């Protein structure tokens, strides 16, 4: 898992936030980037979920996998902390937001495995998985790199992937990358900056 694997296209398409401008005129850092798009995946309750099911809600979208030994659970814990901060300090903002975990390991991440994983971090998190083709398509639309590594001696394997949390707007448009490296309080602060 590598935070430095920010796709070049993402950097080129994401204009810098306006300097010195007020919040009313400030453009989100990812405004206009080609990130996101339609999908139909399976949630942790084995139901089909489409991107349109989240219309009208802001979303924190994170790609990872349940067998991840360190980065994914740590990042999801930070997202959960941010949501709990928002629940307490800015409940109106929290109500407008849905955290979404999308697996990049569909071979092992069944709905039951995803349900157990996301249940560890925040109760309103939506966990999504799907077929390998569905996951490849949604990862591509979100500019997320992932690659299954060769199995180890016991047959287990790791999945290398771009570890980032996107804040998406009410129509599914990209707004910002959330500062996972800074922790839950910084994530909550960034969310409050963009969620209207």
C-alpha atoms as a PDB file:
ATOM      1  CA  UNK A   1       0.000   0.000   0.000  1.00  0.00           C
ATOM      2  CA  UNK A   2       1.516   3.250  -1.048  1.00  0.00           C
ATOM      3  CA  UNK A   3       0.282   6.771  -0.520  1.00  0.00           C
ATOM      4  CA  UNK A   4       2.918   8.032  -2.959  1.00  0.00           C
ATOM      5  CA  UNK A   5       1.175   6.335  -5.874  1.00  0.00           C
ATOM      6  CA  UNK A   6      -0.984   9.386  -6.556  1.00  0.00           C
ATOM      7  CA  UNK A   7      -1.947   9.040 -10.205  1.00  0.00           C
ATOM      8  CA  UNK A   8      -0.310  11.649 -12.404  1.00  0.00           C
ATOM      9  CA  UNK A   9      -3.665  12.356 -14.009  1.00  0.00           C
ATOM     10  CA  UNK A  10      -5.060  13.223 -10.583  1.00  0.00           C
ATOM     11  CA  UNK A  11      -2.354  15.801 -10.017  1.00  0.00           C
ATOM     12  CA  UNK A  12      -2.797  17.278 -13.473  1.00  0.00           C
ATOM     13  CA  UNK A  13      -6.572  17.492 -13.281  1.00  0.00           C
ATOM     14  CA  UNK A  14      -6.826  18.850  -9.754  1.00  0.00           C
ATOM     15  CA  UNK A  15      -6.494  22.631  -9.649  1.00  0.00           C
ATOM     16  CA  UNK A  16      -4.994  24.124  -6.538  1.00  0.00           C
ATOM     17  CA  UNK A  17      -7.353  25.594  -3.974  1.00  0.00           C
ATOM     18  CA  UNK A  18      -7.715  29.334  -4.347  1.00  0.00           C
ATOM     19  CA  UNK A  19      -5.292  31.305  -2.244  1.00  0.00           C
ATOM     20  CA  UNK A  20      -6.658  34.202  -0.264  1.00  0.00           C
ATOM     21  CA  UNK A  21     -10.202  33.735  -1.542  1.00  0.00           C
ATOM     22  CA  UNK A  22     -13.196  33.342   0.725  1.00  0.00           C
ATOM     23  CA  UNK A  23     -14.961  30.032   1.157  1.00  0.00           C
ATOM     24  CA  UNK A  24     -17.716  31.162  -1.220  1.00  0.00           C
ATOM     25  CA  UNK A  25     -15.308  31.432  -4.163  1.00  0.00           C
ATOM     26  CA  UNK A  26     -12.844  28.696  -3.240  1.00  0.00           C
ATOM     27  CA  UNK A  27     -12.751  25.751  -5.613  1.00  0.00           C
ATOM     28  CA  UNK A  28     -12.340  22.304  -4.094  1.00  0.00           C
ATOM     29  CA  UNK A  29      -8.862  20.880  -4.833  1.00  0.00           C
ATOM     30  CA  UNK A  30     -10.259  18.041  -6.977  1.00  0.00           C
ATOM     31  CA  UNK A  31     -12.883  20.107  -8.811  1.00  0.00           C
ATOM     32  CA  UNK A  32     -13.059  18.949 -12.415  1.00  0.00           C
ATOM     33  CA  UNK A  33     -10.937  15.822 -11.875  1.00  0.00           C
ATOM     34  CA  UNK A  34     -12.121  12.671 -13.614  1.00  0.00           C
ATOM     35  CA  UNK A  35     -12.702  10.700 -10.435  1.00  0.00           C
ATOM     36  CA  UNK A  36     -15.812   8.697  -9.643  1.00  0.00           C
ATOM     37  CA  UNK A  37     -18.629   7.376 -11.750  1.00  0.00           C
ATOM     38  CA  UNK A  38     -21.461   4.891 -11.854  1.00  0.00           C
ATOM     39  CA  UNK A  39     -21.172   1.531 -10.135  1.00  0.00           C
ATOM     40  CA  UNK A  40     -23.289  -1.387  -8.948  1.00  0.00           C
ATOM     41  CA  UNK A  41     -21.634  -3.358  -6.141  1.00  0.00           C
ATOM     42  CA  UNK A  42     -22.693  -5.635  -3.272  1.00  0.00           C
ATOM     43  CA  UNK A  43     -22.869  -4.240   0.256  1.00  0.00           C
ATOM     44  CA  UNK A  44     -22.099  -5.945   3.568  1.00  0.00           C
ATOM     45  CA  UNK A  45     -25.721  -7.106   3.797  1.00  0.00           C
ATOM     46  CA  UNK A  46     -25.513  -8.796   0.378  1.00  0.00           C
ATOM     47  CA  UNK A  47     -27.670  -6.152  -1.322  1.00  0.00           C
ATOM     48  CA  UNK A  48     -26.922  -4.468  -4.625  1.00  0.00           C
ATOM     49  CA  UNK A  49     -25.886  -0.857  -4.077  1.00  0.00           C
ATOM     50  CA  UNK A  50     -25.518   1.728  -6.827  1.00  0.00           C
ATOM     51  CA  UNK A  51     -23.768   5.074  -6.806  1.00  0.00           C
ATOM     52  CA  UNK A  52     -27.184   6.694  -7.278  1.00  0.00           C
ATOM     53  CA  UNK A  53     -28.250   5.315  -3.873  1.00  0.00           C
ATOM     54  CA  UNK A  54     -25.994   7.977  -2.328  1.00  0.00           C
ATOM     55  CA  UNK A  55     -27.415  10.910  -4.311  1.00  0.00           C
ATOM     56  CA  UNK A  56     -27.779  13.963  -2.104  1.00  0.00           C
ATOM     57  CA  UNK A  57     -25.124  12.716   0.358  1.00  0.00           C
ATOM     58  CA  UNK A  58     -21.470  13.594   0.657  1.00  0.00           C
ATOM     59  CA  UNK A  59     -19.253  10.507   0.695  1.00  0.00           C
ATOM     60  CA  UNK A  60     -15.877   9.540   2.062  1.00  0.00           C
ATOM     61  CA  UNK A  61     -14.685   6.819  -0.327  1.00  0.00           C
ATOM     62  CA  UNK A  62     -11.796   4.563   0.685  1.00  0.00           C
ATOM     63  CA  UNK A  63     -10.432   1.572  -1.227  1.00  0.00           C
ATOM     64  CA  UNK A  64      -8.761  -1.201   0.762  1.00  0.00           C
ATOM     65  CA  UNK A  65      -9.112  -4.825   1.799  1.00  0.00           C
ATOM     66  CA  UNK A  66     -10.052  -6.688   4.950  1.00  0.00           C
ATOM     67  CA  UNK A  67      -6.908  -8.851   5.113  1.00  0.00           C
ATOM     68  CA  UNK A  68      -4.706  -5.741   5.060  1.00  0.00           C
ATOM     69  CA  UNK A  69      -2.326  -6.042   8.030  1.00  0.00           C
ATOM     70  CA  UNK A  70      -1.806  -2.373   8.854  1.00  0.00           C
ATOM     71  CA  UNK A  71      -2.606   0.550   6.543  1.00  0.00           C
ATOM     72  CA  UNK A  72      -6.293  -0.144   5.794  1.00  0.00           C
ATOM     73  CA  UNK A  73      -7.411  -0.736   9.392  1.00  0.00           C
ATOM     74  CA  UNK A  74      -5.411   2.275  10.548  1.00  0.00           C
ATOM     75  CA  UNK A  75      -6.928   4.506   7.855  1.00  0.00           C
ATOM     76  CA  UNK A  76     -10.442   3.222   8.532  1.00  0.00           C
ATOM     77  CA  UNK A  77      -9.935   3.864  12.237  1.00  0.00           C
ATOM     78  CA  UNK A  78      -9.015   7.485  11.436  1.00  0.00           C
ATOM     79  CA  UNK A  79     -12.099   7.872   9.233  1.00  0.00           C
ATOM     80  CA  UNK A  80     -14.206   6.410  12.061  1.00  0.00           C
ATOM     81  CA  UNK A  81     -12.625   8.855  14.519  1.00  0.00           C
ATOM     82  CA  UNK A  82     -13.435  11.735  12.187  1.00  0.00           C
ATOM     83  CA  UNK A  83     -17.060  10.623  11.925  1.00  0.00           C
ATOM     84  CA  UNK A  84     -17.353  10.349  15.721  1.00  0.00           C
ATOM     85  CA  UNK A  85     -15.930  13.859  16.087  1.00  0.00           C
ATOM     86  CA  UNK A  86     -18.467  15.134  13.559  1.00  0.00           C
ATOM     87  CA  UNK A  87     -21.286  13.262  15.321  1.00  0.00           C
ATOM     88  CA  UNK A  88     -20.410  15.120  18.513  1.00  0.00           C
ATOM     89  CA  UNK A  89     -19.285  18.549  17.266  1.00  0.00           C
ATOM     90  CA  UNK A  90     -21.120  18.967  13.956  1.00  0.00           C
ATOM     91  CA  UNK A  91     -24.064  16.550  13.817  1.00  0.00           C
ATOM     92  CA  UNK A  92     -25.677  18.351  10.862  1.00  0.00           C
ATOM     93  CA  UNK A  93     -22.496  17.822   8.852  1.00  0.00           C
ATOM     94  CA  UNK A  94     -22.275  14.176   9.929  1.00  0.00           C
ATOM     95  CA  UNK A  95     -25.861  13.528   8.808  1.00  0.00           C
ATOM     96  CA  UNK A  96     -24.939  14.640   5.281  1.00  0.00           C
ATOM     97  CA  UNK A  97     -22.016  12.209   5.052  1.00  0.00           C
ATOM     98  CA  UNK A  98     -21.642   8.489   4.284  1.00  0.00           C
ATOM     99  CA  UNK A  99     -18.305   6.683   4.748  1.00  0.00           C
ATOM    100  CA  UNK A 100     -17.834   4.007   2.063  1.00  0.00           C
ATOM    101  CA  UNK A 101     -15.231   1.222   2.049  1.00  0.00           C
ATOM    102  CA  UNK A 102     -14.684  -0.501  -1.327  1.00  0.00           C
ATOM    103  CA  UNK A 103     -12.706  -3.742  -1.392  1.00  0.00           C
ATOM    104  CA  UNK A 104      -9.834  -4.258  -3.831  1.00  0.00           C
ATOM    105  CA  UNK A 105      -9.708  -7.964  -2.887  1.00  0.00           C
ATOM    106  CA  UNK A 106     -12.999  -9.405  -4.147  1.00  0.00           C
ATOM    107  CA  UNK A 107     -11.676 -12.975  -4.072  1.00  0.00           C
ATOM    108  CA  UNK A 108     -11.555 -12.994  -0.247  1.00  0.00           C
ATOM    109  CA  UNK A 109     -13.745 -10.043   0.686  1.00  0.00           C
ATOM    110  CA  UNK A 110     -17.193 -11.570   0.800  1.00  0.00           C
ATOM    111  CA  UNK A 111     -20.075  -9.437   2.080  1.00  0.00           C
ATOM    112  CA  UNK A 112     -19.731 -11.194   5.460  1.00  0.00           C
ATOM    113  CA  UNK A 113     -15.990 -10.414   5.663  1.00  0.00           C
ATOM    114  CA  UNK A 114     -16.627  -6.790   4.697  1.00  0.00           C
ATOM    115  CA  UNK A 115     -19.425  -6.515   7.269  1.00  0.00           C
ATOM    116  CA  UNK A 116     -17.169  -7.732  10.062  1.00  0.00           C
ATOM    117  CA  UNK A 117     -14.365  -5.387   8.964  1.00  0.00           C
ATOM    118  CA  UNK A 118     -16.337  -2.143   8.619  1.00  0.00           C
ATOM    119  CA  UNK A 119     -18.226  -2.900  11.834  1.00  0.00           C
ATOM    120  CA  UNK A 120     -14.980  -2.345  13.729  1.00  0.00           C
ATOM    121  CA  UNK A 121     -14.742   1.338  12.848  1.00  0.00           C
ATOM    122  CA  UNK A 122     -18.016   3.236  12.503  1.00  0.00           C
ATOM    123  CA  UNK A 123     -21.607   1.923  12.447  1.00  0.00           C
ATOM    124  CA  UNK A 124     -22.815   3.871   9.401  1.00  0.00           C
ATOM    125  CA  UNK A 125     -19.951   2.765   7.155  1.00  0.00           C
ATOM    126  CA  UNK A 126     -21.118   1.093   3.949  1.00  0.00           C
ATOM    127  CA  UNK A 127     -18.830  -1.765   2.906  1.00  0.00           C
ATOM    128  CA  UNK A 128     -18.837  -2.749  -0.759  1.00  0.00           C
ATOM    129  CA  UNK A 129     -17.428  -5.666  -2.713  1.00  0.00           C
ATOM    130  CA  UNK A 130     -18.190  -7.271  -6.051  1.00  0.00           C
ATOM    131  CA  UNK A 131     -16.838  -9.411  -8.854  1.00  0.00           C
ATOM    132  CA  UNK A 132     -13.236  -8.880  -9.968  1.00  0.00           C
ATOM    133  CA  UNK A 133     -14.520  -7.089 -13.096  1.00  0.00           C
ATOM    134  CA  UNK A 134     -16.801  -4.799 -11.094  1.00  0.00           C
ATOM    135  CA  UNK A 135     -13.991  -3.908  -8.687  1.00  0.00           C
ATOM    136  CA  UNK A 136     -11.545  -3.285 -11.533  1.00  0.00           C
ATOM    137  CA  UNK A 137     -14.057  -0.954 -13.180  1.00  0.00           C
ATOM    138  CA  UNK A 138     -14.861   1.080 -10.065  1.00  0.00           C
ATOM    139  CA  UNK A 139     -11.172   1.324  -9.112  1.00  0.00           C
ATOM    140  CA  UNK A 140     -10.363   2.615 -12.591  1.00  0.00           C
ATOM    141  CA  UNK A 141     -13.117   5.238 -12.412  1.00  0.00           C
ATOM    142  CA  UNK A 142     -11.707   6.443  -9.073  1.00  0.00           C
ATOM    143  CA  UNK A 143      -8.097   6.447 -10.377  1.00  0.00           C
ATOM    144  CA  UNK A 144      -7.149   3.810  -7.788  1.00  0.00           C
ATOM    145  CA  UNK A 145      -4.236   1.498  -8.558  1.00  0.00           C
ATOM    146  CA  UNK A 146      -4.260  -1.996  -7.042  1.00  0.00           C
ATOM    147  CA  UNK A 147      -2.382  -5.217  -7.736  1.00  0.00           C
ATOM    148  CA  UNK A 148      -2.554  -8.626  -6.098  1.00  0.00           C
ATOM    149  CA  UNK A 149       0.907  -9.746  -5.018  1.00  0.00           C
ATOM    150  CA  UNK A 150       2.239 -13.314  -5.455  1.00  0.00           C
ATOM    151  CA  UNK A 151       1.154 -15.686  -2.671  1.00  0.00           C
ATOM    152  CA  UNK A 152       3.512 -16.348   0.224  1.00  0.00           C
ATOM    153  CA  UNK A 153       4.540 -19.762   1.586  1.00  0.00           C
ATOM    154  CA  UNK A 154       1.195 -20.261   3.356  1.00  0.00           C
ATOM    155  CA  UNK A 155      -0.826 -19.254   0.300  1.00  0.00           C
ATOM    156  CA  UNK A 156      -1.840 -15.856   1.685  1.00  0.00           C
ATOM    157  CA  UNK A 157      -1.214 -12.723  -0.335  1.00  0.00           C
ATOM    158  CA  UNK A 158      -1.119  -8.956  -0.043  1.00  0.00           C
ATOM    159  CA  UNK A 159      -2.773  -6.414  -2.329  1.00  0.00           C
ATOM    160  CA  UNK A 160      -0.719  -3.355  -3.149  1.00  0.00           C
ATOM    161  CA  UNK A 161      -2.996  -0.351  -3.684  1.00  0.00           C
ATOM    162  CA  UNK A 162      -3.345   3.416  -3.635  1.00  0.00           C
ATOM    163  CA  UNK A 163      -4.389   4.272  -0.091  1.00  0.00           C
ATOM    164  CA  UNK A 164      -6.403   7.489  -0.045  1.00  0.00           C
ATOM    165  CA  UNK A 165      -9.781   8.755   1.094  1.00  0.00           C
ATOM    166  CA  UNK A 166     -11.747  10.842  -1.370  1.00  0.00           C
ATOM    167  CA  UNK A 167     -14.366  13.328  -0.233  1.00  0.00           C
ATOM    168  CA  UNK A 168     -17.078  13.252  -2.875  1.00  0.00           C
ATOM    169  CA  UNK A 169     -19.903  15.743  -3.251  1.00  0.00           C
ATOM    170  CA  UNK A 170     -23.679  15.267  -3.241  1.00  0.00           C
ATOM    171  CA  UNK A 171     -23.739  14.457  -6.951  1.00  0.00           C
ATOM    172  CA  UNK A 172     -20.718  12.151  -6.766  1.00  0.00           C
ATOM    173  CA  UNK A 173     -18.240  14.816  -7.868  1.00  0.00           C
ATOM    174  CA  UNK A 174     -14.713  14.777  -6.377  1.00  0.00           C
ATOM    175  CA  UNK A 175     -13.967  17.499  -3.849  1.00  0.00           C
ATOM    176  CA  UNK A 176     -10.763  16.705  -1.951  1.00  0.00           C
ATOM    177  CA  UNK A 177      -8.322  14.084  -0.755  1.00  0.00           C
ATOM    178  CA  UNK A 178      -8.672  13.787   3.015  1.00  0.00           C
ATOM    179  CA  UNK A 179      -5.527  14.072   5.186  1.00  0.00           C
ATOM    180  CA  UNK A 180      -5.327  10.481   6.459  1.00  0.00           C
ATOM    181  CA  UNK A 181      -1.732  11.014   7.520  1.00  0.00           C
ATOM    182  CA  UNK A 182      -2.846  13.714   9.998  1.00  0.00           C
ATOM    183  CA  UNK A 183      -5.528  11.738  11.835  1.00  0.00           C
ATOM    184  CA  UNK A 184      -9.217  11.926  12.671  1.00  0.00           C
ATOM    185  CA  UNK A 185      -9.350  15.538  13.881  1.00  0.00           C
ATOM    186  CA  UNK A 186      -7.726  16.837  10.683  1.00  0.00           C
ATOM    187  CA  UNK A 187     -10.048  14.714   8.540  1.00  0.00           C
ATOM    188  CA  UNK A 188     -13.079  16.077  10.400  1.00  0.00           C
ATOM    189  CA  UNK A 189     -11.813  19.633   9.929  1.00  0.00           C
ATOM    190  CA  UNK A 190     -11.333  19.122   6.175  1.00  0.00           C
ATOM    191  CA  UNK A 191     -14.803  17.616   5.849  1.00  0.00           C
ATOM    192  CA  UNK A 192     -16.356  20.576   7.663  1.00  0.00           C
ATOM    193  CA  UNK A 193     -14.562  22.918   5.277  1.00  0.00           C
ATOM    194  CA  UNK A 194     -16.231  21.429   2.179  1.00  0.00           C
ATOM    195  CA  UNK A 195     -19.549  19.971   3.357  1.00  0.00           C
ATOM    196  CA  UNK A 196     -22.227  22.654   3.030  1.00  0.00           C
END
